[in-house]
Amino acid sequence: MIYINGRFLTRTVTGVERFAIEIVRALDATPRAETFCLLAPRDVARPDWLQNMGFATVGRLNGHAWEQIELLAAARSGTLLNLCNSGPVLHPRSLVVLHDGWVFRHPDHFSRAYRLFHQTLDRVLARRAQIASVSQFSRGELAAILALDPAHVAVIPNAANHLDRIAPDPAIAARLDLAGARYLLMVGSFAPNKNIPMAIRAFLDCAKPDERLVIVGAKVGVFANDTPHDLPGKVVLAGRVTDSELLTLYKGAQALVFPSIYEGFGIPPLEAMHLGIPVLASHIPVVREVCGEAALYFDPHDQRAIAESMRRVLDDDSLHARLTAAARLRATGYSWQVSANRLTELTRAL
């Protein structure tokens, strides 16, 4: 039996949880789905999208205590697949997907307790478990940080074809007063690595009166310290939205702006490309790895460069058409099923 750590079912969906959900869905659609069992903490309902593999709730604890004690006991007889940056350190046959080296490269972005715990956990897991990651860039980061042989760190990429099963919800456009508006879209939380305040300032420098910047993602305290308190109406904070609402916002956008200073992969650019939406993005290595020649790049620390990229995609129809065509082609190279199959091979090898 291959057990899957289902702690991700207790958390809000961000990029890491999206990876876990889509990998499990893809595994559930394989002929050998019955050899998998998804284990979750108590009070977690079986996902309605889970059709074939086993599911069970175990224990009475939550969080890391559940993983290290009760998940360990429940999964000890089989192989354990951990998809979201953590897992029980004492399990004898486990695979752990570490998505990035953010907590090591930018420790100032985290509280001291969080930083010390996760740095320690990652170092221990690197010695106890098979490690995988989501990009060539992150594989190199983790190998360097954790003293691993890169050849022994598998790459299991994200994908974006989950969008194909989602129906758009056009009501979001009316709710945000975007009907007929020209807008740029940003998708991501207000975590420091997302660099959203810089992109807002760039947009305000270059935007015409009828243009909007729509930001999808949770607002957190750090954002309030690094952005104007009274944003003009042309900056629309959508907050958290459903997948159907997000699909509508993607389809109506002139382009996606992705100004991150650090990522392990970056799903929003791939989602935008899958839909044929032009991408304006940071020239950081991992985004170049994912987007190739299908994006227009800028220096994420250069406000003027970001503003110039925004104006170019808004004003240059030929550039917009070229990026649209390149985006669709680039996105075809990623598939959740292919990634799930690769992960199955690695897990069975344990």
Protein backbone atom coordinates (compact mmCIF):
# COMPACT_ATOMS: atom_id res chain seq x y z
CA MET A 1 0.00 0.00 0.00
CA ILE A 2 1.14 3.53 -0.79
CA TYR A 3 -0.21 6.02 1.72
CA ILE A 4 -0.56 9.72 0.94
CA ASN A 5 -0.21 12.43 3.58
CA GLY A 6 -3.57 14.25 3.41
CA ARG A 7 -2.82 17.08 5.79
CA PHE A 8 -3.10 19.47 2.84
CA LEU A 9 -6.89 18.91 2.94
CA THR A 10 -7.03 20.99 6.14
CA ARG A 11 -5.46 24.09 4.57
CA THR A 12 -6.49 26.91 2.25
CA VAL A 13 -5.49 26.20 -1.35
CA THR A 14 -2.33 27.98 -2.47
CA GLY A 15 0.24 26.73 -4.98
CA VAL A 16 1.56 23.94 -2.75
CA GLU A 17 -1.93 22.62 -1.98
CA ARG A 18 -2.89 22.90 -5.65
CA PHE A 19 0.03 20.63 -6.49
CA ALA A 20 -1.12 18.06 -3.93
CA ILE A 21 -4.77 18.13 -5.01
CA GLU A 22 -4.01 17.74 -8.69
CA ILE A 23 -1.40 15.01 -8.19
CA VAL A 24 -3.84 13.02 -6.04
CA ARG A 25 -6.62 13.51 -8.60
CA ALA A 26 -4.32 12.26 -11.34
CA LEU A 27 -3.26 9.26 -9.25
CA ASP A 28 -6.91 8.53 -8.54
CA ALA A 29 -7.55 8.26 -12.28
CA THR A 30 -4.87 5.62 -12.88
CA PRO A 31 -5.60 1.86 -13.19
CA ARG A 32 -3.71 1.19 -9.95
CA ALA A 33 -5.52 3.81 -7.87
CA GLU A 34 -6.69 1.13 -5.43
CA THR A 35 -3.09 0.68 -4.24
CA PHE A 36 -3.14 4.23 -2.81
CA CYS A 37 -4.80 5.38 0.39
CA LEU A 38 -5.18 9.05 1.32
CA LEU A 39 -4.86 9.56 5.10
CA ALA A 40 -6.22 12.71 6.74
CA PRO A 41 -6.71 14.11 10.25
CA ARG A 42 -10.03 13.58 12.02
CA ASP A 43 -13.10 15.53 10.88
CA VAL A 44 -11.80 15.80 7.30
CA ALA A 45 -14.43 14.59 4.86
CA ARG A 46 -13.56 12.39 1.91
CA PRO A 47 -13.10 14.78 -1.05
CA ASP A 48 -16.01 14.54 -3.46
CA TRP A 49 -13.55 14.35 -6.36
CA LEU A 50 -11.87 11.22 -4.99
CA GLN A 51 -13.37 8.25 -6.84
CA ASN A 52 -11.13 5.20 -6.69
CA MET A 53 -8.35 5.25 -4.11
CA GLY A 54 -8.83 4.52 -0.44
CA PHE A 55 -9.45 7.23 2.15
CA ALA A 56 -9.30 7.20 5.93
CA THR A 57 -9.11 9.62 8.82
CA VAL A 58 -6.71 8.68 11.60
CA GLY A 59 -5.81 9.97 15.06
CA ARG A 60 -7.02 12.85 17.18
CA LEU A 61 -4.26 15.44 16.72
CA ASN A 62 -3.69 18.15 14.12
CA GLY A 63 -0.84 19.87 12.30
CA HIS A 64 2.74 18.73 12.71
CA ALA A 65 1.90 16.64 15.78
CA TRP A 66 -0.55 14.61 13.67
CA GLU A 67 2.08 14.08 10.98
CA GLN A 68 4.94 13.12 13.26
CA ILE A 69 2.95 10.79 15.56
CA GLU A 70 -0.38 9.58 14.22
CA LEU A 71 0.29 9.63 10.48
CA LEU A 72 3.57 7.84 11.15
CA ALA A 73 1.78 5.07 13.04
CA ALA A 74 -1.00 4.70 10.46
CA ALA A 75 1.35 4.58 7.45
CA ARG A 76 4.28 2.65 8.92
CA SER A 77 3.35 -0.61 7.15
CA GLY A 78 3.56 0.92 3.67
CA THR A 79 5.29 3.61 1.64
CA LEU A 80 4.36 7.22 2.42
CA LEU A 81 4.02 10.03 -0.13
CA ASN A 82 4.25 13.59 1.30
CA LEU A 83 3.40 16.29 -1.23
CA CYS A 84 3.59 19.53 0.77
CA ASN A 85 7.01 20.27 2.28
CA SER A 86 6.75 18.12 5.41
CA GLY A 87 6.25 14.60 6.70
CA PRO A 88 7.08 12.27 9.58
CA VAL A 89 10.85 12.11 9.96
CA LEU A 90 10.87 8.55 11.37
CA HIS A 91 8.98 6.86 8.53
CA PRO A 92 11.29 4.24 6.99
CA ARG A 93 10.06 4.52 3.37
CA SER A 94 8.86 7.99 2.47
CA LEU A 95 9.10 10.47 -0.36
CA VAL A 96 8.81 14.19 0.42
CA VAL A 97 8.23 16.94 -2.14
CA LEU A 98 10.02 20.10 -1.03
CA HIS A 99 8.81 22.92 -3.24
CA ASP A 100 11.55 25.49 -2.74
CA GLY A 101 14.33 26.81 -0.53
CA TRP A 102 12.49 30.00 0.42
CA VAL A 103 12.82 29.56 4.19
CA PHE A 104 16.62 29.32 3.73
CA ARG A 105 17.14 31.97 1.05
CA HIS A 106 14.87 34.61 2.61
CA PRO A 107 14.67 33.77 6.33
CA ASP A 108 13.68 37.35 7.13
CA HIS A 109 10.29 36.65 5.51
CA PHE A 110 9.33 34.29 8.34
CA SER A 111 8.90 34.37 12.10
CA ARG A 112 11.83 32.99 14.06
CA ALA A 113 9.85 29.97 15.30
CA TYR A 114 8.59 29.06 11.82
CA ARG A 115 12.03 29.54 10.28
CA LEU A 116 13.89 27.41 12.81
CA PHE A 117 11.31 24.62 12.76
CA HIS A 118 11.15 24.27 8.98
CA GLN A 119 14.87 24.63 8.43
CA THR A 120 15.44 21.85 10.95
CA LEU A 121 12.66 19.68 9.52
CA ASP A 122 13.99 20.02 5.96
CA ARG A 123 17.49 19.08 7.04
CA VAL A 124 16.28 15.98 8.87
CA LEU A 125 13.99 14.90 6.03
CA ALA A 126 16.87 15.28 3.58
CA ARG A 127 18.70 12.56 5.52
CA ARG A 128 15.72 10.30 6.18
CA ALA A 129 13.55 10.45 3.05
CA GLN A 130 13.68 10.47 -0.72
CA ILE A 131 13.43 14.14 -1.77
CA ALA A 132 11.74 15.50 -4.89
CA SER A 133 10.95 19.03 -6.01
CA VAL A 134 8.93 20.87 -8.64
CA SER A 135 11.54 22.53 -10.88
CA GLN A 136 15.13 22.23 -11.97
CA PHE A 137 15.80 25.50 -10.15
CA SER A 138 14.41 24.22 -6.86
CA ARG A 139 16.30 20.95 -7.25
CA GLY A 140 19.52 22.93 -7.47
CA GLU A 141 18.56 25.12 -4.53
CA LEU A 142 17.72 22.18 -2.29
CA ALA A 143 20.77 20.20 -3.32
CA ALA A 144 23.03 23.12 -2.44
CA ILE A 145 21.26 23.98 0.82
CA LEU A 146 20.77 20.44 2.10
CA ALA A 147 23.99 18.91 0.73
CA LEU A 148 22.18 16.50 -1.58
CA ASP A 149 23.28 14.98 -4.88
CA PRO A 150 21.12 16.76 -7.50
CA ALA A 151 20.91 13.52 -9.47
CA HIS A 152 19.01 12.00 -6.53
CA VAL A 153 16.42 14.80 -6.35
CA ALA A 154 13.63 14.13 -8.86
CA VAL A 155 11.72 16.94 -10.56
CA ILE A 156 7.92 16.65 -10.57
CA PRO A 157 6.59 19.81 -12.28
CA ASN A 158 3.32 21.56 -11.71
CA ALA A 159 0.82 21.86 -14.56
CA ALA A 160 -2.26 23.90 -15.47
CA ASN A 161 -4.62 21.54 -17.26
CA HIS A 162 -6.86 21.49 -14.17
CA LEU A 163 -8.37 24.62 -15.71
CA ASP A 164 -9.95 22.50 -18.44
CA ARG A 165 -12.56 21.05 -16.08
CA ILE A 166 -13.59 24.42 -14.59
CA ALA A 167 -16.56 26.45 -15.83
CA PRO A 168 -16.18 30.25 -15.62
CA ASP A 169 -18.34 32.33 -13.29
CA PRO A 170 -18.98 35.64 -15.10
CA ALA A 171 -20.65 37.21 -12.05
CA ILE A 172 -17.22 38.13 -10.69
CA ALA A 173 -16.72 40.70 -13.46
CA ALA A 174 -19.88 42.54 -12.46
CA ARG A 175 -19.06 42.30 -8.76
CA LEU A 176 -15.68 43.92 -9.31
CA ASP A 177 -17.08 46.44 -11.85
CA LEU A 178 -14.85 45.11 -14.62
CA ALA A 179 -17.41 44.72 -17.39
CA GLY A 180 -15.78 46.11 -20.54
CA ALA A 181 -12.67 47.27 -18.65
CA ARG A 182 -9.09 46.74 -19.80
CA TYR A 183 -7.12 45.28 -16.94
CA LEU A 184 -3.94 43.51 -15.96
CA LEU A 185 -4.15 40.63 -13.50
CA MET A 186 -1.92 39.51 -10.62
CA VAL A 187 -2.50 36.24 -8.76
CA GLY A 188 -0.83 35.52 -5.43
CA SER A 189 -0.86 36.28 -1.74
CA PHE A 190 0.75 39.40 -0.34
CA ALA A 191 3.71 37.45 0.96
CA PRO A 192 6.99 39.39 0.70
CA ASN A 193 8.38 37.27 -2.13
CA LYS A 194 5.43 38.14 -4.37
CA ASN A 195 6.64 41.76 -4.70
CA ILE A 196 3.10 43.04 -5.25
CA PRO A 197 3.58 46.55 -3.80
CA MET A 198 6.32 47.23 -6.37
CA ALA A 199 4.03 46.15 -9.21
CA ILE A 200 1.21 48.36 -7.88
CA ARG A 201 3.49 51.39 -7.89
CA ALA A 202 4.65 50.57 -11.41
CA PHE A 203 1.06 50.30 -12.61
CA LEU A 204 0.07 53.61 -11.02
CA ASP A 205 3.01 55.23 -12.80
CA CYS A 206 1.94 54.08 -16.26
CA ALA A 207 -1.81 53.39 -16.27
CA LYS A 208 -4.35 55.33 -18.31
CA PRO A 209 -7.56 56.46 -16.58
CA ASP A 210 -9.67 53.59 -17.96
CA GLU A 211 -7.21 50.78 -17.12
CA ARG A 212 -7.31 48.58 -14.02
CA LEU A 213 -4.98 46.32 -12.07
CA VAL A 214 -6.83 43.36 -10.50
CA ILE A 215 -5.10 41.52 -7.65
CA VAL A 216 -6.35 38.08 -6.58
CA GLY A 217 -5.05 36.80 -3.25
CA ALA A 218 -5.22 37.18 0.50
CA LYS A 219 -4.19 40.44 2.13
CA VAL A 220 -1.79 40.09 5.05
CA GLY A 221 -0.20 42.48 7.50
CA VAL A 222 3.09 42.85 5.66
CA PHE A 223 1.24 44.37 2.70
CA ALA A 224 -0.12 47.26 4.75
CA ASN A 225 3.42 48.33 5.62
CA ASP A 226 4.61 48.62 2.04
CA THR A 227 1.84 50.10 -0.09
CA PRO A 228 -0.33 53.24 -0.21
CA HIS A 229 -3.14 53.13 2.32
CA ASP A 230 -5.62 54.76 -0.04
CA LEU A 231 -5.37 52.89 -3.33
CA PRO A 232 -7.20 54.53 -6.23
CA GLY A 233 -10.14 52.77 -7.81
CA LYS A 234 -8.01 51.55 -10.70
CA VAL A 235 -6.36 49.02 -8.32
CA VAL A 236 -8.94 46.33 -7.55
CA LEU A 237 -8.28 44.01 -4.60
CA ALA A 238 -10.37 40.93 -5.37
CA GLY A 239 -9.23 38.93 -2.33
CA ARG A 240 -9.73 35.17 -2.43
CA VAL A 241 -11.89 33.93 -5.30
CA THR A 242 -13.19 30.55 -6.44
CA ASP A 243 -11.57 28.65 -9.29
CA SER A 244 -14.53 29.55 -11.50
CA GLU A 245 -14.16 33.24 -10.68
CA LEU A 246 -10.41 33.11 -11.26
CA LEU A 247 -10.93 31.52 -14.66
CA THR A 248 -13.22 34.41 -15.63
CA LEU A 249 -10.64 36.95 -14.48
CA TYR A 250 -7.89 35.22 -16.45
CA LYS A 251 -9.97 35.15 -19.62
CA GLY A 252 -10.79 38.85 -19.39
CA ALA A 253 -7.26 40.06 -18.64
CA GLN A 254 -4.96 41.75 -21.12
CA ALA A 255 -2.03 40.00 -19.42
CA LEU A 256 -0.86 38.39 -16.20
CA VAL A 257 1.78 40.27 -14.23
CA PHE A 258 4.04 38.05 -12.11
CA PRO A 259 6.62 40.20 -10.27
CA SER A 260 7.95 37.66 -7.72
CA ILE A 261 11.50 37.91 -6.42
CA TYR A 262 11.58 34.24 -5.37
CA GLU A 263 9.55 31.16 -6.33
CA GLY A 264 9.94 27.40 -6.38
CA PHE A 265 7.89 27.16 -9.58
CA GLY A 266 5.11 29.70 -10.10
CA ILE A 267 1.76 28.23 -11.16
CA PRO A 268 -0.07 31.46 -12.21
CA PRO A 269 2.15 32.09 -15.28
CA LEU A 270 1.56 28.51 -16.41
CA GLU A 271 -2.20 28.87 -15.85
CA ALA A 272 -2.22 32.08 -17.88
CA MET A 273 -0.21 30.50 -20.70
CA HIS A 274 -2.54 27.50 -20.77
CA LEU A 275 -5.37 29.93 -21.48
CA GLY A 276 -3.41 31.92 -24.04
CA ILE A 277 -3.01 34.97 -21.79
CA PRO A 278 0.24 36.96 -22.26
CA VAL A 279 2.62 36.84 -19.30
CA LEU A 280 4.78 39.67 -17.97
CA ALA A 281 7.17 38.22 -15.44
CA SER A 282 10.29 38.60 -13.32
CA HIS A 283 13.47 37.48 -15.01
CA ILE A 284 14.30 35.16 -12.08
CA PRO A 285 15.68 31.74 -13.14
CA VAL A 286 12.71 29.57 -12.20
CA VAL A 287 10.22 31.71 -14.16
CA ARG A 288 12.47 31.58 -17.19
CA GLU A 289 12.59 27.79 -16.76
CA VAL A 290 8.80 27.54 -16.73
CA CYS A 291 7.93 30.18 -19.34
CA GLY A 292 10.87 29.97 -21.72
CA GLU A 293 10.51 32.43 -24.59
CA ALA A 294 6.75 32.75 -24.07
CA ALA A 295 6.89 35.66 -21.58
CA LEU A 296 7.99 39.29 -21.55
CA TYR A 297 10.53 39.63 -18.74
CA PHE A 298 11.52 42.50 -16.45
CA ASP A 299 13.79 43.14 -13.48
CA PRO A 300 11.48 42.74 -10.44
CA HIS A 301 13.49 45.36 -8.53
CA ASP A 302 13.13 47.99 -11.27
CA GLN A 303 9.82 49.83 -11.02
CA ARG A 304 10.33 51.61 -14.33
CA ALA A 305 11.06 48.34 -16.14
CA ILE A 306 7.85 46.81 -14.80
CA ALA A 307 5.86 49.87 -15.90
CA GLU A 308 7.40 49.77 -19.38
CA SER A 309 6.47 46.09 -19.77
CA MET A 310 2.90 46.86 -18.74
CA ARG A 311 2.59 49.65 -21.28
CA ARG A 312 4.11 47.55 -24.05
CA VAL A 313 1.60 44.72 -23.69
CA LEU A 314 -1.30 47.16 -23.37
CA ASP A 315 -0.30 49.23 -26.41
CA ASP A 316 1.40 46.82 -28.84
CA ASP A 317 -1.15 44.54 -30.50
CA SER A 318 1.50 42.57 -32.40
CA LEU A 319 3.41 41.84 -29.18
CA HIS A 320 0.17 40.79 -27.50
CA ALA A 321 -0.60 38.37 -30.37
CA ARG A 322 2.93 36.92 -30.35
CA LEU A 323 2.88 36.31 -26.59
CA THR A 324 -0.56 34.71 -26.84
CA ALA A 325 0.57 32.21 -29.47
CA ALA A 326 3.81 31.41 -27.66
CA ALA A 327 1.97 30.97 -24.35
CA ARG A 328 -0.39 28.26 -25.58
CA LEU A 329 2.46 26.31 -27.18
CA ARG A 330 4.65 26.48 -24.06
CA ALA A 331 1.90 25.28 -21.73
CA THR A 332 1.43 22.05 -23.69
CA GLY A 333 4.68 20.77 -22.20
CA TYR A 334 3.15 20.33 -18.73
CA SER A 335 0.62 17.74 -17.56
CA TRP A 336 -0.60 16.65 -14.13
CA GLN A 337 -0.94 13.07 -15.36
CA VAL A 338 2.66 12.95 -16.56
CA SER A 339 3.85 14.35 -13.24
CA ALA A 340 1.72 11.88 -11.28
CA ASN A 341 3.08 8.96 -13.32
CA ARG A 342 6.64 10.04 -12.59
CA LEU A 343 5.86 10.34 -8.89
CA THR A 344 4.34 6.85 -8.90
CA GLU A 345 7.53 5.43 -10.39
CA LEU A 346 9.64 7.08 -7.69
CA THR A 347 7.35 5.98 -4.88
CA ARG A 348 7.20 2.35 -6.01
CA ALA A 349 11.01 2.32 -6.23
CA LEU A 350 11.14 2.86 -2.48
